[in-house]
Amino acid sequence: MSLEDKIHENTLALQQLTEAVNRLAAAAGSSAPVPVAKKAEPAPTPAPAPAPTQPVDVKALQDSLKDKLKKLFAKSPSTGGKILAKFGVQNLSALPDEQLAEFAASVDAALQGN
């Protein structure tokens, strides 16, 4: 039995109890109203957890970047140097793994002429 089902059962029991108390109060001649419990509403379904991101194969990314950097330096040494300087490194092996994806995007953009 789920938590929502238990909450629903408890709410129904409270409503029945409230009705019984009201009947007793009416029979005894009391004019003070007894508060009524709210009707149970089904709980909203939780949103699905986001899908985990695919892990980056650092070694494969570094290998592909080596070839791309060679092409970029053959095409435009100054652009290749600017990208390396932007990331504060002098060669690919000095680049932290956390920056590989962004570095790869910069190299790809430069190779496409953007």
Protein backbone atom coordinates (compact mmCIF):
# COMPACT_ATOMS: atom_id res chain seq x y z
CA MET A 1 0.00 0.00 0.00
CA SER A 2 1.46 3.33 -1.04
CA LEU A 3 1.80 6.38 1.11
CA GLU A 4 -0.86 8.16 -0.95
CA ASP A 5 -3.33 5.33 -0.27
CA LYS A 6 -2.66 5.53 3.47
CA ILE A 7 -3.15 9.30 3.45
CA HIS A 8 -6.41 8.88 1.54
CA GLU A 9 -7.65 6.26 4.05
CA ASN A 10 -6.74 8.48 7.00
CA THR A 11 -8.50 11.46 5.44
CA LEU A 12 -11.65 9.41 4.91
CA ALA A 13 -11.51 8.21 8.52
CA LEU A 14 -11.17 11.80 9.75
CA GLN A 15 -14.14 12.86 7.64
CA GLN A 16 -16.25 10.05 9.11
CA LEU A 17 -15.15 10.98 12.62
CA THR A 18 -16.03 14.62 11.99
CA GLU A 19 -19.48 13.63 10.75
CA ALA A 20 -20.03 11.47 13.85
CA VAL A 21 -18.98 14.32 16.15
CA ASN A 22 -21.34 16.69 14.29
CA ARG A 23 -24.22 14.25 14.70
CA LEU A 24 -23.51 13.92 18.44
CA ALA A 25 -23.23 17.68 18.82
CA ALA A 26 -26.53 18.16 16.98
CA ALA A 27 -28.22 15.55 19.16
CA ALA A 28 -26.92 17.25 22.31
CA GLY A 29 -28.19 20.61 21.09
CA SER A 30 -24.81 22.27 20.66
CA SER A 31 -24.77 25.05 18.08
CA ALA A 32 -20.99 25.27 17.72
CA PRO A 33 -19.97 23.86 14.34
CA VAL A 34 -17.19 21.33 14.20
CA PRO A 35 -14.63 21.96 11.44
CA VAL A 36 -14.84 19.60 8.48
CA ALA A 37 -11.73 17.92 7.08
CA LYS A 38 -10.86 18.67 3.47
CA LYS A 39 -11.42 15.97 0.86
CA ALA A 40 -8.30 14.05 -0.04
CA GLU A 41 -6.80 14.83 -3.42
CA PRO A 42 -4.46 12.43 -5.15
CA ALA A 43 -0.84 13.39 -4.77
CA PRO A 44 0.85 14.66 -7.94
CA THR A 45 3.12 12.18 -9.61
CA PRO A 46 6.78 13.12 -9.29
CA ALA A 47 8.63 14.20 -12.41
CA PRO A 48 11.01 11.59 -13.79
CA ALA A 49 14.65 12.04 -12.89
CA PRO A 50 16.76 13.55 -15.68
CA ALA A 51 18.67 11.04 -17.72
CA PRO A 52 22.32 10.77 -16.72
CA THR A 53 24.74 12.31 -19.17
CA GLN A 54 27.00 10.05 -21.12
CA PRO A 55 30.51 9.87 -19.65
CA VAL A 56 33.17 11.41 -21.85
CA ASP A 57 35.91 9.07 -23.03
CA VAL A 58 38.81 11.38 -22.25
CA LYS A 59 41.43 9.33 -24.06
CA ALA A 60 39.38 9.10 -27.27
CA LEU A 61 38.61 12.82 -27.13
CA GLN A 62 42.28 13.68 -26.65
CA ASP A 63 43.25 11.45 -29.57
CA SER A 64 40.70 13.05 -31.89
CA LEU A 65 41.77 16.51 -30.72
CA LYS A 66 45.40 15.79 -31.58
CA ASP A 67 44.45 15.20 -35.20
CA LYS A 68 42.17 18.21 -35.30
CA LEU A 69 44.83 20.46 -33.77
CA LYS A 70 47.34 19.30 -36.39
CA LYS A 71 44.85 20.22 -39.12
CA LEU A 72 44.11 23.56 -37.48
CA PHE A 73 47.80 24.48 -37.11
CA ALA A 74 48.40 23.46 -40.74
CA LYS A 75 45.49 25.70 -41.80
CA SER A 76 46.17 28.65 -39.45
CA PRO A 77 48.94 28.53 -36.84
CA SER A 78 47.82 31.84 -35.34
CA THR A 79 44.26 30.59 -34.78
CA GLY A 80 45.56 27.41 -33.16
CA GLY A 81 47.82 29.47 -30.91
CA LYS A 82 44.94 31.77 -29.95
CA ILE A 83 42.76 28.82 -28.92
CA LEU A 84 45.55 27.32 -26.81
CA ALA A 85 46.17 30.73 -25.20
CA LYS A 86 42.44 31.16 -24.53
CA PHE A 87 42.58 28.02 -22.38
CA GLY A 88 45.89 29.05 -20.78
CA VAL A 89 47.94 26.14 -22.13
CA GLN A 90 50.77 25.72 -24.60
CA ASN A 91 49.86 22.20 -25.70
CA LEU A 92 46.96 19.77 -25.53
CA SER A 93 48.49 17.58 -22.82
CA ALA A 94 48.45 20.54 -20.39
CA LEU A 95 44.70 21.04 -20.82
CA PRO A 96 42.59 19.84 -17.82
CA ASP A 97 40.12 17.06 -18.64
CA GLU A 98 37.21 19.26 -17.51
CA GLN A 99 37.95 21.70 -20.35
CA LEU A 100 38.31 19.13 -23.14
CA ALA A 101 34.74 19.36 -24.41
CA GLU A 102 34.81 23.18 -24.58
CA PHE A 103 38.25 23.10 -26.18
CA ALA A 104 37.02 20.58 -28.76
CA ALA A 105 34.09 22.86 -29.60
CA SER A 106 36.48 25.79 -30.12
CA VAL A 107 38.74 23.73 -32.37
CA ASP A 108 35.78 22.43 -34.40
CA ALA A 109 34.43 25.95 -34.83
CA ALA A 110 37.84 27.20 -35.99
CA LEU A 111 38.18 24.33 -38.48
CA GLN A 112 34.76 25.18 -39.90
CA GLY A 113 35.82 28.80 -40.26
CA ASN A 114 33.59 30.31 -37.55
